[in-house]
Amino acid sequence: MSEAKLSFTQVVKEEICSSNFEAEHLRSILAAFIKINGSVIFSNKQSSLVLKTENAKVAKFIYSALQSVYGLNARFSYTKMMNFRKRTTYNVILDNETDYILGDLEINFLEGKIAKNIIANDDMIAGYLCGGFLASGSVNSPKNSNYHLEMVLKDENYAKWFTKLFLKYKSGQFNAKIVKRRNQFVVYLKRSDQITDFLIMIGATNAALQFEETRIERDFSNIGNRLANLDAANYNKTAIAAKEQLEDIRTIDKILGIEHVQNEKQQLLMKLRLENEDASLNELASMLSEKLGETVSRSNVAHMFRSIHSRANKYKGAIK
């Protein structure tokens, strides 16, 4: 049985998890991840820090980050939800040093504020946003023209602080916005160039390249489709106009006879139209120029057809 294809969100997160980060960067990643997906459980006068994720590789990454930064060994557990999605939630659990870690990362689950020491420079801001994406982020596939990257947060005040990080980041320009969705607050980006820059910022460079390549290919395809539609529309417009012109010419020929039209250019144009029913105005202008030995423009041809149409209408009125 073949493996299920990874979503683009999974591709991004797994690339991040395979990247190497400095300790300072990892602290900021942990600070955001713990703030968003962490909880403290009290049992037998002992507190445990529980970090949840539905991605096994993210769980391993967070475990390794805790070990790298604090030298602590966590333990794993998982729970399976036997609903239609059959979700598995992975738990990274620290039974010791909970207070120390929360204090070192200046995390307060009751406040929305983000500590300045955790986001002191661009690298730390990037780390914090990276941790936020690992915790609750998702991004649409670039195959989808509805560009959208988001992080879902539970607290409105925290969402506002989180959004401000995009403005504090000096090495890029982001226009992040917040929208309330049920009882949660979604921080999101919609512009494709900003999504690409965000992916690069959080360390998902290959995913960013994939995003751009797919987006450009699709955009070129869309341009091609639009041009084809325009060509079809122009062809239909030309065909309709040609049909009306032929009706006008046949009316004049029936009442007066083309040979009796005194205007030499109009007479020749009517003959050319009868001989070339599908020709465009530009093509007729070129043929007429060649026959007359002088330049006749497309606008000249259009003007002559308006005169022909006016004369044909008079004859039609006479017939009635």
Protein backbone atom coordinates (compact mmCIF):
# COMPACT_ATOMS: atom_id res chain seq x y z
CA MET A 1 0.00 0.00 0.00
CA SER A 2 1.48 3.38 -1.02
CA GLU A 3 2.13 6.09 1.54
CA ALA A 4 -0.31 8.97 1.74
CA LYS A 5 0.99 12.03 -0.01
CA LEU A 6 2.22 14.73 2.35
CA SER A 7 0.29 17.97 2.46
CA PHE A 8 2.28 21.12 1.72
CA THR A 9 1.99 22.06 5.42
CA GLN A 10 3.63 18.75 6.35
CA VAL A 11 6.38 19.32 3.77
CA VAL A 12 7.15 22.71 5.34
CA LYS A 13 7.13 21.42 8.92
CA GLU A 14 9.28 18.40 8.14
CA GLU A 15 11.85 20.57 6.38
CA ILE A 16 12.02 22.80 9.47
CA CYS A 17 12.46 19.73 11.67
CA SER A 18 15.42 18.59 9.56
CA SER A 19 17.18 21.97 9.86
CA ASN A 20 19.92 22.95 12.30
CA PHE A 21 19.31 25.89 14.62
CA GLU A 22 21.47 27.77 17.08
CA ALA A 23 20.59 27.47 20.78
CA GLU A 24 19.21 31.05 20.89
CA HIS A 25 17.03 30.27 17.89
CA LEU A 26 15.82 27.03 19.51
CA ARG A 27 14.87 28.86 22.72
CA SER A 28 12.57 31.15 20.76
CA ILE A 29 11.08 28.19 18.86
CA LEU A 30 10.41 26.41 22.16
CA ALA A 31 8.95 29.54 23.73
CA ALA A 32 6.30 29.87 21.02
CA PHE A 33 5.56 26.15 20.77
CA ILE A 34 5.13 25.75 24.53
CA LYS A 35 2.99 28.89 24.78
CA ILE A 36 0.63 27.68 22.04
CA ASN A 37 0.56 23.90 22.48
CA GLY A 38 1.75 23.46 26.06
CA SER A 39 -0.11 22.85 29.28
CA VAL A 40 0.88 22.14 32.87
CA ILE A 41 -0.61 19.09 34.54
CA PHE A 42 -0.52 18.70 38.33
CA SER A 43 -0.48 15.21 39.83
CA ASN A 44 0.66 14.03 43.26
CA LYS A 45 2.08 17.46 44.10
CA GLN A 46 4.22 17.30 40.97
CA SER A 47 3.81 19.37 37.81
CA SER A 48 4.41 18.06 34.31
CA LEU A 49 4.74 20.08 31.12
CA VAL A 50 2.81 18.46 28.27
CA LEU A 51 3.39 19.55 24.66
CA LYS A 52 0.97 18.26 22.02
CA THR A 53 1.26 17.90 18.24
CA GLU A 54 -0.29 15.75 15.51
CA ASN A 55 3.01 15.50 13.63
CA ALA A 56 5.44 12.79 14.80
CA LYS A 57 8.48 14.57 13.34
CA VAL A 58 7.54 17.81 15.08
CA ALA A 59 7.29 15.87 18.36
CA LYS A 60 10.79 14.43 17.83
CA PHE A 61 12.12 17.89 16.94
CA ILE A 62 10.70 19.46 20.11
CA TYR A 63 12.10 16.58 22.16
CA SER A 64 15.57 17.11 20.63
CA ALA A 65 15.33 20.89 21.14
CA LEU A 66 14.56 20.43 24.86
CA GLN A 67 17.46 18.05 25.16
CA SER A 68 19.81 20.38 23.25
CA VAL A 69 18.92 23.57 25.12
CA TYR A 70 18.25 22.22 28.62
CA GLY A 71 19.86 18.78 28.67
CA LEU A 72 16.53 17.27 29.73
CA ASN A 73 15.08 13.97 28.60
CA ALA A 74 11.34 14.07 28.00
CA ARG A 75 9.07 11.10 27.52
CA PHE A 76 6.56 10.38 24.80
CA SER A 77 2.97 9.24 24.79
CA TYR A 78 0.28 9.32 22.16
CA THR A 79 -3.47 9.09 21.88
CA LYS A 80 -5.56 7.96 18.93
CA MET A 81 -8.93 9.46 18.09
CA MET A 82 -10.97 6.79 16.31
CA ASN A 83 -13.21 9.21 14.46
CA PHE A 84 -13.45 9.64 10.69
CA ARG A 85 -10.03 11.39 10.62
CA LYS A 86 -8.36 8.80 12.88
CA ARG A 87 -6.05 11.45 14.32
CA THR A 88 -3.02 10.63 16.44
CA THR A 89 -1.86 13.20 18.99
CA TYR A 90 1.75 12.94 20.14
CA ASN A 91 2.66 14.18 23.63
CA VAL A 92 6.14 15.31 24.68
CA ILE A 93 6.11 15.26 28.49
CA LEU A 94 8.59 16.78 30.92
CA ASP A 95 8.13 15.61 34.50
CA ASN A 96 10.94 17.73 35.93
CA GLU A 97 12.10 21.34 35.74
CA THR A 98 8.72 22.62 34.52
CA ASP A 99 8.95 25.81 36.53
CA TYR A 100 12.56 26.39 35.45
CA ILE A 101 11.75 26.08 31.72
CA LEU A 102 8.67 28.30 31.94
CA GLY A 103 10.69 30.84 33.91
CA ASP A 104 13.68 30.75 31.57
CA LEU A 105 11.43 31.24 28.51
CA GLU A 106 9.29 33.78 30.40
CA ILE A 107 6.07 31.97 29.55
CA ASN A 108 2.87 32.85 31.38
CA PHE A 109 -0.15 30.89 30.19
CA LEU A 110 -2.48 33.48 31.75
CA GLU A 111 -1.06 36.44 29.82
CA GLY A 112 -0.86 37.17 26.11
CA LYS A 113 2.34 39.16 26.32
CA ILE A 114 5.55 37.91 24.65
CA ALA A 115 8.75 38.53 26.63
CA LYS A 116 11.21 40.95 24.99
CA ASN A 117 14.19 38.72 25.84
CA ILE A 118 12.76 35.95 23.65
CA ILE A 119 12.33 38.21 20.60
CA ALA A 120 15.31 40.55 21.05
CA ASN A 121 16.51 40.43 17.40
CA ASP A 122 15.45 39.28 13.94
CA ASP A 123 16.83 35.75 14.40
CA MET A 124 14.87 35.32 17.62
CA ILE A 125 11.72 36.76 16.06
CA ALA A 126 12.12 34.33 13.15
CA GLY A 127 12.56 31.52 15.68
CA TYR A 128 9.43 32.52 17.57
CA LEU A 129 7.36 32.68 14.39
CA CYS A 130 8.84 29.32 13.36
CA GLY A 131 7.74 27.82 16.68
CA GLY A 132 4.30 29.30 16.18
CA PHE A 133 4.02 27.70 12.75
CA LEU A 134 5.17 24.31 14.06
CA ALA A 135 2.59 24.55 16.83
CA SER A 136 -0.52 25.65 14.95
CA GLY A 137 0.41 26.70 11.42
CA SER A 138 -0.81 25.63 8.03
CA VAL A 139 -0.26 26.81 4.46
CA ASN A 140 -2.23 26.07 1.30
CA SER A 141 -0.54 24.23 -1.51
CA PRO A 142 0.80 26.59 -4.21
CA LYS A 143 -1.34 24.60 -6.65
CA ASN A 144 -4.26 26.37 -5.02
CA SER A 145 -4.65 29.94 -6.28
CA ASN A 146 -6.10 30.92 -2.90
CA TYR A 147 -2.78 31.74 -1.24
CA HIS A 148 -3.13 31.43 2.52
CA LEU A 149 -0.80 30.82 5.46
CA GLU A 150 -2.14 30.91 9.00
CA MET A 151 -1.47 30.20 12.67
CA VAL A 152 -4.41 29.52 14.97
CA LEU A 153 -4.24 30.96 18.50
CA LYS A 154 -6.61 30.73 21.44
CA ASP A 155 -6.17 34.15 23.04
CA GLU A 156 -6.98 37.46 21.34
CA ASN A 157 -4.39 39.49 23.24
CA TYR A 158 -1.68 36.96 22.45
CA ALA A 159 -2.76 36.97 18.78
CA LYS A 160 -2.26 40.76 18.71
CA TRP A 161 1.22 40.46 20.25
CA PHE A 162 2.03 37.65 17.83
CA THR A 163 0.95 39.76 14.84
CA LYS A 164 3.18 42.63 15.99
CA LEU A 165 6.21 40.35 15.58
CA PHE A 166 5.79 40.57 11.80
CA LEU A 167 6.14 44.35 12.03
CA LYS A 168 9.16 44.09 14.37
CA TYR A 169 10.99 41.84 11.91
CA LYS A 170 13.37 44.28 10.17
CA SER A 171 14.68 41.94 7.46
CA GLY A 172 11.35 41.65 5.66
CA GLN A 173 7.97 43.22 5.11
CA PHE A 174 4.83 41.36 6.15
CA ASN A 175 1.22 42.40 6.33
CA ALA A 176 -0.20 39.89 8.80
CA LYS A 177 -3.84 40.19 9.83
CA ILE A 178 -6.11 38.67 12.47
CA VAL A 179 -9.57 37.21 12.04
CA LYS A 180 -11.76 35.53 14.66
CA ARG A 181 -12.87 32.03 13.70
CA ARG A 182 -15.34 30.54 16.15
CA ASN A 183 -13.56 30.82 19.54
CA GLN A 184 -10.07 31.12 18.06
CA PHE A 185 -7.99 33.90 16.55
CA VAL A 186 -6.26 33.31 13.23
CA VAL A 187 -3.11 35.25 12.28
CA TYR A 188 -2.70 34.98 8.51
CA LEU A 189 -0.84 36.05 5.36
CA LYS A 190 -2.52 36.14 1.94
CA ARG A 191 0.08 37.54 -0.47
CA SER A 192 2.13 34.89 -2.27
CA ASP A 193 5.40 36.88 -2.07
CA GLN A 194 4.99 37.31 1.70
CA ILE A 195 4.23 33.61 2.15
CA THR A 196 7.44 32.76 0.25
CA ASP A 197 9.44 35.20 2.40
CA PHE A 198 7.90 33.74 5.56
CA LEU A 199 8.86 30.18 4.55
CA ILE A 200 12.44 31.32 3.92
CA MET A 201 12.49 33.17 7.24
CA ILE A 202 11.46 30.09 9.26
CA GLY A 203 14.00 27.85 7.54
CA ALA A 204 11.86 26.11 4.91
CA THR A 205 13.91 27.25 1.90
CA ASN A 206 13.21 24.21 -0.28
CA ALA A 207 9.49 24.49 0.38
CA ALA A 208 9.69 28.19 -0.53
CA LEU A 209 11.34 27.30 -3.87
CA GLN A 210 8.68 24.67 -4.52
CA PHE A 211 5.97 27.21 -3.67
CA GLU A 212 7.41 29.79 -6.10
CA GLU A 213 8.04 27.31 -8.93
CA THR A 214 4.52 25.89 -8.73
CA ARG A 215 2.97 29.34 -8.43
CA ILE A 216 4.89 30.65 -11.47
CA GLU A 217 4.04 27.58 -13.55
CA ARG A 218 0.35 27.93 -12.68
CA ASP A 219 0.39 31.67 -13.34
CA PHE A 220 1.96 31.10 -16.77
CA SER A 221 -0.68 28.48 -17.46
CA ASN A 222 -3.39 30.93 -16.40
CA ILE A 223 -1.89 33.60 -18.67
CA GLY A 224 -1.94 31.10 -21.53
CA ASN A 225 -5.57 30.25 -20.81
CA ARG A 226 -6.50 33.94 -20.65
CA LEU A 227 -4.76 34.60 -23.97
CA ALA A 228 -6.52 31.61 -25.52
CA ASN A 229 -9.85 32.90 -24.22
CA LEU A 230 -9.08 36.35 -25.63
CA ASP A 231 -8.18 34.81 -28.99
CA ALA A 232 -11.43 32.86 -28.98
CA ALA A 233 -13.41 35.97 -28.01
CA ASN A 234 -11.71 38.01 -30.72
CA TYR A 235 -12.35 35.27 -33.27
CA ASN A 236 -16.03 35.14 -32.31
CA LYS A 237 -16.27 38.92 -32.47
CA THR A 238 -14.62 38.93 -35.92
CA ALA A 239 -16.93 36.16 -37.15
CA ILE A 240 -20.05 38.00 -35.97
CA ALA A 241 -18.89 41.27 -37.53
CA ALA A 242 -18.01 39.49 -40.80
CA LYS A 243 -21.47 37.89 -40.94
CA GLU A 244 -23.13 41.32 -40.56
CA GLN A 245 -20.84 42.81 -43.22
CA LEU A 246 -21.68 39.99 -45.66
CA GLU A 247 -25.40 40.57 -45.12
CA ASP A 248 -24.94 44.29 -45.79
CA ILE A 249 -22.93 43.64 -48.96
CA ARG A 250 -25.47 41.13 -50.30
CA THR A 251 -28.30 43.57 -49.63
CA ILE A 252 -26.47 46.29 -51.61
CA ASP A 253 -25.63 43.82 -54.37
CA LYS A 254 -29.28 42.76 -54.62
CA ILE A 255 -30.67 46.31 -54.79
CA LEU A 256 -27.92 48.23 -56.56
CA GLY A 257 -25.26 45.76 -57.64
CA ILE A 258 -21.71 45.98 -56.32
CA GLU A 259 -20.45 47.02 -59.77
CA HIS A 260 -22.54 50.19 -59.55
CA VAL A 261 -21.03 51.37 -56.24
CA GLN A 262 -19.15 54.52 -57.28
CA ASN A 263 -16.66 54.55 -54.38
CA GLU A 264 -13.77 52.46 -55.77
CA LYS A 265 -12.36 51.56 -52.35
CA GLN A 266 -15.73 50.47 -50.96
CA GLN A 267 -16.48 48.44 -54.09
CA LEU A 268 -13.13 46.64 -53.87
CA LEU A 269 -13.54 46.10 -50.11
CA MET A 270 -16.96 44.49 -50.63
CA LYS A 271 -15.51 42.12 -53.23
CA LEU A 272 -12.61 41.21 -50.94
CA ARG A 273 -15.00 40.50 -48.07
CA LEU A 274 -17.12 38.23 -50.25
CA GLU A 275 -13.98 36.34 -51.31
CA ASN A 276 -12.52 36.20 -47.77
CA GLU A 277 -15.38 35.64 -45.35
CA ASP A 278 -13.15 34.82 -42.33
CA ALA A 279 -10.55 37.58 -42.82
CA SER A 280 -9.94 40.10 -40.03
CA LEU A 281 -10.04 43.86 -40.58
CA ASN A 282 -6.22 43.93 -40.49
CA GLU A 283 -6.05 41.24 -43.17
CA LEU A 284 -8.59 43.07 -45.34
CA ALA A 285 -6.62 46.32 -44.90
CA SER A 286 -3.46 44.54 -46.09
CA MET A 287 -5.23 43.05 -49.14
CA LEU A 288 -6.82 46.40 -50.02
CA SER A 289 -3.46 48.19 -49.72
CA GLU A 290 -1.89 45.69 -52.09
CA LYS A 291 -4.70 46.00 -54.65
CA LEU A 292 -4.73 49.80 -54.60
CA GLY A 293 -0.99 50.31 -54.31
CA GLU A 294 -1.46 52.62 -51.32
CA THR A 295 -1.65 52.23 -47.57
CA VAL A 296 -5.10 51.54 -46.19
CA SER A 297 -5.33 51.25 -42.40
CA ARG A 298 -7.55 49.02 -40.28
CA SER A 299 -9.46 52.10 -39.11
CA ASN A 300 -10.08 53.08 -42.75
CA VAL A 301 -11.56 49.64 -43.40
CA ALA A 302 -13.73 49.89 -40.27
CA HIS A 303 -14.97 53.33 -41.37
CA MET A 304 -15.86 52.01 -44.87
CA PHE A 305 -17.81 49.12 -43.36
CA ARG A 306 -19.80 51.62 -41.26
CA SER A 307 -20.65 53.52 -44.46
CA ILE A 308 -21.61 50.25 -46.18
CA HIS A 309 -23.79 49.32 -43.18
CA SER A 310 -25.54 52.71 -43.30
CA ARG A 311 -26.30 52.33 -47.03
CA ALA A 312 -27.50 48.74 -46.54
CA ASN A 313 -29.90 49.88 -43.79
CA LYS A 314 -31.43 52.42 -46.16
CA TYR A 315 -31.98 49.72 -48.78
CA LYS A 316 -33.46 47.38 -46.16
CA GLY A 317 -35.89 50.14 -45.20
CA ALA A 318 -36.83 50.57 -48.87
CA ILE A 319 -37.42 46.82 -49.21
CA LYS A 320 -39.77 46.87 -46.22
